[in-house]
Amino acid sequence: DNAKNTMYLQMNSLKPEDTAVYYCNAVLVAQGSL
């Protein structure tokens, strides 16, 4: 949702091998970064 600067991940049919720490990453331009 670009208006909310939010990303979602819907995970279905989960398996034991999906067990992990999940991290969010964003490539962006911050204010003042030219």
Full PDB file with SEQRES, HELIX, SHEET, SSBOND, CRYST1, ORIGX, SCALE, CONECT and MASTER records, all heavy atoms in Angstrom:
SEQRES   1 A   34  ASP ASN ALA LYS ASN THR MET TYR LEU GLN MET ASN SER          
SEQRES   2 A   34  LEU LYS PRO GLU ASP THR ALA VAL TYR TYR CYS ASN ALA          
SEQRES   3 A   34  VAL LEU VAL ALA GLN GLY SER LEU                              
HELIX    1 AA1 ASN A    2  LYS A    4  5                                   3    
HELIX    2 AA2 PRO A   16  ASP A   18  5                                   3    
CRYST1    1.000    1.000    1.000  90.00  90.00  90.00 P 1           1          
ORIGX1      1.000000  0.000000  0.000000        0.00000                         
ORIGX2      0.000000  1.000000  0.000000        0.00000                         
ORIGX3      0.000000  0.000000  1.000000        0.00000                         
SCALE1      1.000000  0.000000  0.000000        0.00000                         
SCALE2      0.000000  1.000000  0.000000        0.00000                         
SCALE3      0.000000  0.000000  1.000000        0.00000                         
ATOM      1  N   ASP A   1       0.871  -1.160   0.000  1.00  0.00           N  
ATOM      2  CA  ASP A   1       0.000   0.000   0.000  1.00  0.00           C  
ATOM      3  C   ASP A   1       0.914   1.217   0.000  1.00  0.00           C  
ATOM      4  O   ASP A   1       1.478   1.581   1.033  1.00  0.00           O  
ATOM      5  CB  ASP A   1      -0.919  -0.005   1.220  1.00  0.00           C  
ATOM      6  CG  ASP A   1      -1.939   1.115   1.191  1.00  0.00           C  
ATOM      7  OD1 ASP A   1      -1.691   2.148   0.547  1.00  0.00           O  
ATOM      8  OD2 ASP A   1      -2.998   0.959   1.825  1.00  0.00           O  
ATOM      9  N   ASN A   2       1.078   1.845  -1.155  1.00  0.00           N  
ATOM     10  CA  ASN A   2       2.017   2.952  -1.285  1.00  0.00           C  
ATOM     11  C   ASN A   2       1.619   4.164  -0.442  1.00  0.00           C  
ATOM     12  O   ASN A   2       2.479   4.890   0.054  1.00  0.00           O  
ATOM     13  CB  ASN A   2       2.157   3.356  -2.753  1.00  0.00           C  
ATOM     14  CG  ASN A   2       2.825   2.291  -3.594  1.00  0.00           C  
ATOM     15  OD1 ASN A   2       3.643   1.512  -3.108  1.00  0.00           O  
ATOM     16  ND2 ASN A   2       2.487   2.248  -4.877  1.00  0.00           N  
ATOM     17  N   ALA A   3       0.325   4.388  -0.283  1.00  0.00           N  
ATOM     18  CA  ALA A   3      -0.142   5.516   0.518  1.00  0.00           C  
ATOM     19  C   ALA A   3       0.246   5.366   1.982  1.00  0.00           C  
ATOM     20  O   ALA A   3       0.426   6.359   2.686  1.00  0.00           O  
ATOM     21  CB  ALA A   3      -1.651   5.674   0.384  1.00  0.00           C  
ATOM     22  N   LYS A   4       0.373   4.115   2.450  1.00  0.00           N  
ATOM     23  CA  LYS A   4       0.730   3.845   3.841  1.00  0.00           C  
ATOM     24  C   LYS A   4       2.191   3.449   4.011  1.00  0.00           C  
ATOM     25  O   LYS A   4       2.617   3.169   5.138  1.00  0.00           O  
ATOM     26  CB  LYS A   4      -0.156   2.737   4.408  1.00  0.00           C  
ATOM     27  CG  LYS A   4      -1.631   3.083   4.454  1.00  0.00           C  
ATOM     28  CD  LYS A   4      -2.441   1.934   5.039  1.00  0.00           C  
ATOM     29  CE  LYS A   4      -3.918   2.281   5.122  1.00  0.00           C  
ATOM     30  NZ  LYS A   4      -4.719   1.166   5.683  1.00  0.00           N  
ATOM     31  N   ASN A   5       2.955   3.406   2.911  1.00  0.00           N  
ATOM     32  CA  ASN A   5       4.354   2.959   2.953  1.00  0.00           C  
ATOM     33  C   ASN A   5       4.477   1.602   3.650  1.00  0.00           C  
ATOM     34  O   ASN A   5       5.378   1.381   4.458  1.00  0.00           O  
ATOM     35  CB  ASN A   5       5.241   3.993   3.648  1.00  0.00           C  
ATOM     36  CG  ASN A   5       5.469   5.235   2.813  1.00  0.00           C  
ATOM     37  OD1 ASN A   5       5.308   5.218   1.584  1.00  0.00           O  
ATOM     38  ND2 ASN A   5       5.851   6.324   3.455  1.00  0.00           N  
ATOM     39  N   THR A   6       3.574   0.696   3.307  1.00  0.00           N  
ATOM     40  CA  THR A   6       3.490  -0.588   3.975  1.00  0.00           C  
ATOM     41  C   THR A   6       3.495  -1.732   2.963  1.00  0.00           C  
ATOM     42  O   THR A   6       2.859  -1.638   1.906  1.00  0.00           O  
ATOM     43  CB  THR A   6       2.227  -0.676   4.841  1.00  0.00           C  
ATOM     44  OG1 THR A   6       2.253   0.366   5.821  1.00  0.00           O  
ATOM     45  CG2 THR A   6       2.150  -2.015   5.556  1.00  0.00           C  
ATOM     46  N   MET A   7       4.207  -2.806   3.293  1.00  0.00           N  
ATOM     47  CA  MET A   7       4.258  -4.019   2.496  1.00  0.00           C  
ATOM     48  C   MET A   7       3.723  -5.176   3.331  1.00  0.00           C  
ATOM     49  O   MET A   7       3.900  -5.215   4.546  1.00  0.00           O  
ATOM     50  CB  MET A   7       5.700  -4.304   2.059  1.00  0.00           C  
ATOM     51  CG  MET A   7       5.888  -5.628   1.332  1.00  0.00           C  
ATOM     52  SD  MET A   7       7.630  -5.942   0.871  1.00  0.00           S  
ATOM     53  CE  MET A   7       8.417  -6.010   2.489  1.00  0.00           C  
ATOM     54  N   TYR A   8       3.086  -6.133   2.663  1.00  0.00           N  
ATOM     55  CA  TYR A   8       2.490  -7.268   3.338  1.00  0.00           C  
ATOM     56  C   TYR A   8       2.988  -8.577   2.720  1.00  0.00           C  
ATOM     57  O   TYR A   8       3.380  -8.631   1.553  1.00  0.00           O  
ATOM     58  CB  TYR A   8       0.963  -7.231   3.235  1.00  0.00           C  
ATOM     59  CG  TYR A   8       0.350  -5.924   3.659  1.00  0.00           C  
ATOM     60  CD1 TYR A   8       0.069  -4.934   2.721  1.00  0.00           C  
ATOM     61  CD2 TYR A   8       0.053  -5.679   4.993  1.00  0.00           C  
ATOM     62  CE1 TYR A   8      -0.492  -3.732   3.105  1.00  0.00           C  
ATOM     63  CE2 TYR A   8      -0.505  -4.475   5.380  1.00  0.00           C  
ATOM     64  CZ  TYR A   8      -0.779  -3.503   4.439  1.00  0.00           C  
ATOM     65  OH  TYR A   8      -1.334  -2.312   4.827  1.00  0.00           O  
ATOM     66  N   LEU A   9       2.956  -9.640   3.507  1.00  0.00           N  
ATOM     67  CA  LEU A   9       3.255 -10.975   3.026  1.00  0.00           C  
ATOM     68  C   LEU A   9       2.227 -11.930   3.602  1.00  0.00           C  
ATOM     69  O   LEU A   9       2.209 -12.169   4.807  1.00  0.00           O  
ATOM     70  CB  LEU A   9       4.666 -11.413   3.424  1.00  0.00           C  
ATOM     71  CG  LEU A   9       5.110 -12.772   2.867  1.00  0.00           C  
ATOM     72  CD1 LEU A   9       5.263 -12.703   1.350  1.00  0.00           C  
ATOM     73  CD2 LEU A   9       6.416 -13.225   3.507  1.00  0.00           C  
ATOM     74  N   GLN A  10       1.364 -12.463   2.738  1.00  0.00           N  
ATOM     75  CA  GLN A  10       0.390 -13.470   3.142  1.00  0.00           C  
ATOM     76  C   GLN A  10       0.989 -14.842   2.893  1.00  0.00           C  
ATOM     77  O   GLN A  10       1.311 -15.177   1.750  1.00  0.00           O  
ATOM     78  CB  GLN A  10      -0.921 -13.304   2.375  1.00  0.00           C  
ATOM     79  CG  GLN A  10      -1.989 -14.314   2.744  1.00  0.00           C  
ATOM     80  CD  GLN A  10      -2.397 -14.223   4.196  1.00  0.00           C  
ATOM     81  OE1 GLN A  10      -2.617 -13.123   4.706  1.00  0.00           O  
ATOM     82  NE2 GLN A  10      -2.479 -15.347   4.883  1.00  0.00           N  
ATOM     83  N   MET A  11       1.137 -15.635   3.942  1.00  0.00           N  
ATOM     84  CA  MET A  11       1.762 -16.938   3.864  1.00  0.00           C  
ATOM     85  C   MET A  11       0.716 -18.018   4.118  1.00  0.00           C  
ATOM     86  O   MET A  11       0.122 -18.071   5.197  1.00  0.00           O  
ATOM     87  CB  MET A  11       2.900 -17.059   4.876  1.00  0.00           C  
ATOM     88  CG  MET A  11       3.971 -15.978   4.714  1.00  0.00           C  
ATOM     89  SD  MET A  11       5.351 -16.178   5.868  1.00  0.00           S  
ATOM     90  CE  MET A  11       4.517 -15.827   7.419  1.00  0.00           C  
ATOM     91  N   ASN A  12       0.495 -18.870   3.130  1.00  0.00           N  
ATOM     92  CA  ASN A  12      -0.457 -19.971   3.232  1.00  0.00           C  
ATOM     93  C   ASN A  12       0.262 -21.303   3.095  1.00  0.00           C  
ATOM     94  O   ASN A  12       1.387 -21.375   2.606  1.00  0.00           O  
ATOM     95  CB  ASN A  12      -1.540 -19.850   2.150  1.00  0.00           C  
ATOM     96  CG  ASN A  12      -2.349 -18.581   2.246  1.00  0.00           C  
ATOM     97  OD1 ASN A  12      -2.652 -18.105   3.345  1.00  0.00           O  
ATOM     98  ND2 ASN A  12      -2.717 -18.019   1.099  1.00  0.00           N  
ATOM     99  N   SER A  13      -0.414 -22.380   3.509  1.00  0.00           N  
ATOM    100  CA  SER A  13       0.140 -23.730   3.412  1.00  0.00           C  
ATOM    101  C   SER A  13       1.553 -23.788   3.974  1.00  0.00           C  
ATOM    102  O   SER A  13       2.475 -24.324   3.349  1.00  0.00           O  
ATOM    103  CB  SER A  13       0.117 -24.211   1.961  1.00  0.00           C  
ATOM    104  OG  SER A  13      -1.190 -24.204   1.428  1.00  0.00           O  
ATOM    105  N   LEU A  14       1.734 -23.259   5.159  1.00  0.00           N  
ATOM    106  CA  LEU A  14       3.061 -23.154   5.754  1.00  0.00           C  
ATOM    107  C   LEU A  14       3.654 -24.522   6.052  1.00  0.00           C  
ATOM    108  O   LEU A  14       2.945 -25.458   6.440  1.00  0.00           O  
ATOM    109  CB  LEU A  14       3.003 -22.309   7.022  1.00  0.00           C  
ATOM    110  CG  LEU A  14       2.901 -20.803   6.767  1.00  0.00           C  
ATOM    111  CD1 LEU A  14       2.434 -20.072   8.017  1.00  0.00           C  
ATOM    112  CD2 LEU A  14       4.251 -20.262   6.307  1.00  0.00           C  
ATOM    113  N   LYS A  15       4.970 -24.620   5.884  1.00  0.00           N  
ATOM    114  CA  LYS A  15       5.725 -25.837   6.107  1.00  0.00           C  
ATOM    115  C   LYS A  15       6.773 -25.601   7.188  1.00  0.00           C  
ATOM    116  O   LYS A  15       7.194 -24.466   7.403  1.00  0.00           O  
ATOM    117  CB  LYS A  15       6.423 -26.283   4.816  1.00  0.00           C  
ATOM    118  CG  LYS A  15       5.504 -26.460   3.622  1.00  0.00           C  
ATOM    119  CD  LYS A  15       6.306 -26.764   2.363  1.00  0.00           C  
ATOM    120  CE  LYS A  15       5.404 -26.926   1.153  1.00  0.00           C  
ATOM    121  NZ  LYS A  15       6.188 -27.205  -0.077  1.00  0.00           N  
ATOM    122  N   PRO A  16       7.225 -26.658   7.864  1.00  0.00           N  
ATOM    123  CA  PRO A  16       8.270 -26.478   8.875  1.00  0.00           C  
ATOM    124  C   PRO A  16       9.521 -25.788   8.332  1.00  0.00           C  
ATOM    125  O   PRO A  16      10.166 -25.033   9.065  1.00  0.00           O  
ATOM    126  CB  PRO A  16       8.575 -27.914   9.324  1.00  0.00           C  
ATOM    127  CG  PRO A  16       7.286 -28.637   9.117  1.00  0.00           C  
ATOM    128  CD  PRO A  16       6.704 -28.043   7.861  1.00  0.00           C  
ATOM    129  N   GLU A  17       9.854 -26.021   7.066  1.00  0.00           N  
ATOM    130  CA  GLU A  17      11.026 -25.391   6.485  1.00  0.00           C  
ATOM    131  C   GLU A  17      10.861 -23.892   6.248  1.00  0.00           C  
ATOM    132  O   GLU A  17      11.818 -23.210   5.873  1.00  0.00           O  
ATOM    133  CB  GLU A  17      11.432 -26.083   5.167  1.00  0.00           C  
ATOM    134  CG  GLU A  17      10.285 -26.260   4.187  1.00  0.00           C  
ATOM    135  CD  GLU A  17       9.668 -27.646   4.248  1.00  0.00           C  
ATOM    136  OE1 GLU A  17       9.453 -28.148   5.376  1.00  0.00           O  
ATOM    137  OE2 GLU A  17       9.413 -28.240   3.188  1.00  0.00           O  
ATOM    138  N   ASP A  18       9.654 -23.360   6.451  1.00  0.00           N  
ATOM    139  CA  ASP A  18       9.442 -21.919   6.395  1.00  0.00           C  
ATOM    140  C   ASP A  18       9.861 -21.234   7.688  1.00  0.00           C  
ATOM    141  O   ASP A  18       9.870 -20.001   7.756  1.00  0.00           O  
ATOM    142  CB  ASP A  18       7.974 -21.599   6.107  1.00  0.00           C  
ATOM    143  CG  ASP A  18       7.532 -22.055   4.730  1.00  0.00           C  
ATOM    144  OD1 ASP A  18       8.305 -21.896   3.770  1.00  0.00           O  
ATOM    145  OD2 ASP A  18       6.397 -22.575   4.613  1.00  0.00           O  
ATOM    146  N   THR A  19      10.181 -21.999   8.712  1.00  0.00           N  
ATOM    147  CA  THR A  19      10.597 -21.438   9.990  1.00  0.00           C  
ATOM    148  C   THR A  19      11.866 -20.609   9.819  1.00  0.00           C  
ATOM    149  O   THR A  19      12.881 -21.104   9.314  1.00  0.00           O  
ATOM    150  CB  THR A  19      10.838 -22.548  11.013  1.00  0.00           C  
ATOM    151  OG1 THR A  19       9.606 -23.229  11.280  1.00  0.00           O  
ATOM    152  CG2 THR A  19      11.371 -21.973  12.322  1.00  0.00           C  
ATOM    153  N   ALA A  20      11.812 -19.345  10.228  1.00  0.00           N  
ATOM    154  CA  ALA A  20      12.940 -18.435  10.071  1.00  0.00           C  
ATOM    155  C   ALA A  20      12.590 -17.086  10.680  1.00  0.00           C  
ATOM    156  O   ALA A  20      11.437 -16.830  11.040  1.00  0.00           O  
ATOM    157  CB  ALA A  20      13.293 -18.255   8.588  1.00  0.00           C  
ATOM    158  N   VAL A  21      13.594 -16.228  10.788  1.00  0.00           N  
ATOM    159  CA  VAL A  21      13.358 -14.821  11.074  1.00  0.00           C  
ATOM    160  C   VAL A  21      13.142 -14.122   9.743  1.00  0.00           C  
ATOM    161  O   VAL A  21      13.971 -14.233   8.836  1.00  0.00           O  
ATOM    162  CB  VAL A  21      14.526 -14.180  11.836  1.00  0.00           C  
ATOM    163  CG1 VAL A  21      14.270 -12.692  12.048  1.00  0.00           C  
ATOM    164  CG2 VAL A  21      14.735 -14.878  13.170  1.00  0.00           C  
ATOM    165  N   TYR A  22      12.031 -13.422   9.615  1.00  0.00           N  
ATOM    166  CA  TYR A  22      11.689 -12.736   8.378  1.00  0.00           C  
ATOM    167  C   TYR A  22      12.014 -11.253   8.505  1.00  0.00           C  
ATOM    168  O   TYR A  22      11.587 -10.590   9.455  1.00  0.00           O  
ATOM    169  CB  TYR A  22      10.209 -12.931   8.051  1.00  0.00           C  
ATOM    170  CG  TYR A  22       9.906 -14.301   7.491  1.00  0.00           C  
ATOM    171  CD1 TYR A  22       9.979 -15.428   8.301  1.00  0.00           C  
ATOM    172  CD2 TYR A  22       9.574 -14.468   6.153  1.00  0.00           C  
ATOM    173  CE1 TYR A  22       9.729 -16.692   7.786  1.00  0.00           C  
ATOM    174  CE2 TYR A  22       9.312 -15.724   5.632  1.00  0.00           C  
ATOM    175  CZ  TYR A  22       9.396 -16.835   6.453  1.00  0.00           C  
ATOM    176  OH  TYR A  22       9.141 -18.088   5.933  1.00  0.00           O  
ATOM    177  N   TYR A  23      12.773 -10.728   7.527  1.00  0.00           N  
ATOM    178  CA  TYR A  23      13.226  -9.347   7.533  1.00  0.00           C  
ATOM    179  C   TYR A  23      12.615  -8.559   6.385  1.00  0.00           C  
ATOM    180  O   TYR A  23      12.458  -9.079   5.276  1.00  0.00           O  
ATOM    181  CB  TYR A  23      14.751  -9.273   7.402  1.00  0.00           C  
ATOM    182  CG  TYR A  23      15.514  -9.894   8.548  1.00  0.00           C  
ATOM    183  CD1 TYR A  23      15.926 -11.222   8.494  1.00  0.00           C  
ATOM    184  CD2 TYR A  23      15.838  -9.148   9.677  1.00  0.00           C  
ATOM    185  CE1 TYR A  23      16.632 -11.795   9.526  1.00  0.00           C  
ATOM    186  CE2 TYR A  23      16.549  -9.716  10.719  1.00  0.00           C  
ATOM    187  CZ  TYR A  23      16.941 -11.039  10.637  1.00  0.00           C  
ATOM    188  OH  TYR A  23      17.657 -11.603  11.673  1.00  0.00           O  
ATOM    189  N   CYS A  24      12.314  -7.306   6.645  1.00  0.00           N  
ATOM    190  CA  CYS A  24      11.814  -6.385   5.634  1.00  0.00           C  
ATOM    191  C   CYS A  24      12.962  -5.547   5.096  1.00  0.00           C  
ATOM    192  O   CYS A  24      13.833  -5.111   5.850  1.00  0.00           O  
ATOM    193  CB  CYS A  24      10.746  -5.476   6.246  1.00  0.00           C  
ATOM    194  SG  CYS A  24      10.102  -4.195   5.144  1.00  0.00           S  
ATOM    195  N   ASN A  25      12.983  -5.322   3.787  1.00  0.00           N  
ATOM    196  CA  ASN A  25      13.979  -4.476   3.137  1.00  0.00           C  
ATOM    197  C   ASN A  25      13.275  -3.510   2.192  1.00  0.00           C  
ATOM    198  O   ASN A  25      12.320  -3.886   1.517  1.00  0.00           O  
ATOM    199  CB  ASN A  25      14.986  -5.330   2.370  1.00  0.00           C  
ATOM    200  CG  ASN A  25      15.951  -4.495   1.547  1.00  0.00           C  
ATOM    201  OD1 ASN A  25      15.675  -4.158   0.390  1.00  0.00           O  
ATOM    202  ND2 ASN A  25      17.091  -4.162   2.132  1.00  0.00           N  
ATOM    203  N   ALA A  26      13.760  -2.280   2.136  1.00  0.00           N  
ATOM    204  CA  ALA A  26      13.210  -1.296   1.215  1.00  0.00           C  
ATOM    205  C   ALA A  26      14.324  -0.489   0.580  1.00  0.00           C  
ATOM    206  O   ALA A  26      15.209   0.011   1.279  1.00  0.00           O  
ATOM    207  CB  ALA A  26      12.234  -0.363   1.936  1.00  0.00           C  
ATOM    208  N   VAL A  27      14.287  -0.376  -0.742  1.00  0.00           N  
ATOM    209  CA  VAL A  27      15.186   0.502  -1.482  1.00  0.00           C  
ATOM    210  C   VAL A  27      14.453   1.826  -1.665  1.00  0.00           C  
ATOM    211  O   VAL A  27      13.372   1.855  -2.253  1.00  0.00           O  
ATOM    212  CB  VAL A  27      15.572  -0.093  -2.839  1.00  0.00           C  
ATOM    213  CG1 VAL A  27      16.451   0.886  -3.614  1.00  0.00           C  
ATOM    214  CG2 VAL A  27      16.280  -1.421  -2.653  1.00  0.00           C  
ATOM    215  N   LEU A  28      15.038   2.913  -1.155  1.00  0.00           N  
ATOM    216  CA  LEU A  28      14.321   4.172  -1.142  1.00  0.00           C  
ATOM    217  C   LEU A  28      15.255   5.370  -1.205  1.00  0.00           C  
ATOM    218  O   LEU A  28      16.475   5.247  -1.079  1.00  0.00           O  
ATOM    219  CB  LEU A  28      13.424   4.266   0.105  1.00  0.00           C  
ATOM    220  CG  LEU A  28      14.080   4.094   1.480  1.00  0.00           C  
ATOM    221  CD1 LEU A  28      14.703   5.395   1.969  1.00  0.00           C  
ATOM    222  CD2 LEU A  28      13.044   3.605   2.493  1.00  0.00           C  
ATOM    223  N   VAL A  29      14.658   6.537  -1.411  1.00  0.00           N  
ATOM    224  CA  VAL A  29      15.350   7.813  -1.340  1.00  0.00           C  
ATOM    225  C   VAL A  29      14.827   8.549  -0.125  1.00  0.00           C  
ATOM    226  O   VAL A  29      13.620   8.794  -0.016  1.00  0.00           O  
ATOM    227  CB  VAL A  29      15.129   8.653  -2.611  1.00  0.00           C  
ATOM    228  CG1 VAL A  29      15.749  10.039  -2.455  1.00  0.00           C  
ATOM    229  CG2 VAL A  29      15.707   7.949  -3.826  1.00  0.00           C  
ATOM    230  N   ALA A  30      15.709   8.896   0.794  1.00  0.00           N  
ATOM    231  CA  ALA A  30      15.329   9.633   1.990  1.00  0.00           C  
ATOM    232  C   ALA A  30      15.491  11.135   1.763  1.00  0.00           C  
ATOM    233  O   ALA A  30      16.280  11.567   0.927  1.00  0.00           O  
ATOM    234  CB  ALA A  30      16.170   9.189   3.179  1.00  0.00           C  
ATOM    235  N   GLN A  31      14.752  11.929   2.508  1.00  0.00           N  
ATOM    236  CA  GLN A  31      14.851  13.383   2.410  1.00  0.00           C  
ATOM    237  C   GLN A  31      16.264  13.846   2.732  1.00  0.00           C  
ATOM    238  O   GLN A  31      16.862  13.399   3.708  1.00  0.00           O  
ATOM    239  CB  GLN A  31      13.843  14.037   3.347  1.00  0.00           C  
ATOM    240  CG  GLN A  31      13.763  15.550   3.203  1.00  0.00           C  
ATOM    241  CD  GLN A  31      12.711  16.159   4.101  1.00  0.00           C  
ATOM    242  OE1 GLN A  31      12.254  15.542   5.056  1.00  0.00           O  
ATOM    243  NE2 GLN A  31      12.312  17.374   3.800  1.00  0.00           N  
ATOM    244  N   GLY A  32      16.813  14.703   1.880  1.00  0.00           N  
ATOM    245  CA  GLY A  32      18.149  15.222   2.091  1.00  0.00           C  
ATOM    246  C   GLY A  32      19.261  14.383   1.494  1.00  0.00           C  
ATOM    247  O   GLY A  32      20.433  14.714   1.661  1.00  0.00           O  
ATOM    248  N   SER A  33      18.923  13.316   0.771  1.00  0.00           N  
ATOM    249  CA  SER A  33      19.912  12.399   0.219  1.00  0.00           C  
ATOM    250  C   SER A  33      20.357  12.758  -1.191  1.00  0.00           C  
ATOM    251  O   SER A  33      21.173  12.048  -1.772  1.00  0.00           O  
ATOM    252  CB  SER A  33      19.365  10.976   0.229  1.00  0.00           C  
ATOM    253  OG  SER A  33      18.300  10.854  -0.704  1.00  0.00           O  
ATOM    254  N   LEU A  34      19.833  13.824  -1.759  1.00  0.00           N  
ATOM    255  CA  LEU A  34      20.124  14.222  -3.138  1.00  0.00           C  
ATOM    256  C   LEU A  34      19.775  13.112  -4.124  1.00  0.00           C  
ATOM    257  O   LEU A  34      20.472  12.893  -5.118  1.00  0.00           O  
ATOM    258  CB  LEU A  34      21.590  14.648  -3.280  1.00  0.00           C  
ATOM    259  CG  LEU A  34      22.039  15.822  -2.411  1.00  0.00           C  
ATOM    260  CD1 LEU A  34      23.519  16.112  -2.620  1.00  0.00           C  
ATOM    261  CD2 LEU A  34      21.206  17.061  -2.715  1.00  0.00           C  
TER     262      LEU A  34                                                      
MASTER        0    0    0    2    0    0    0    6  261    1    0    3          
END                                                                             
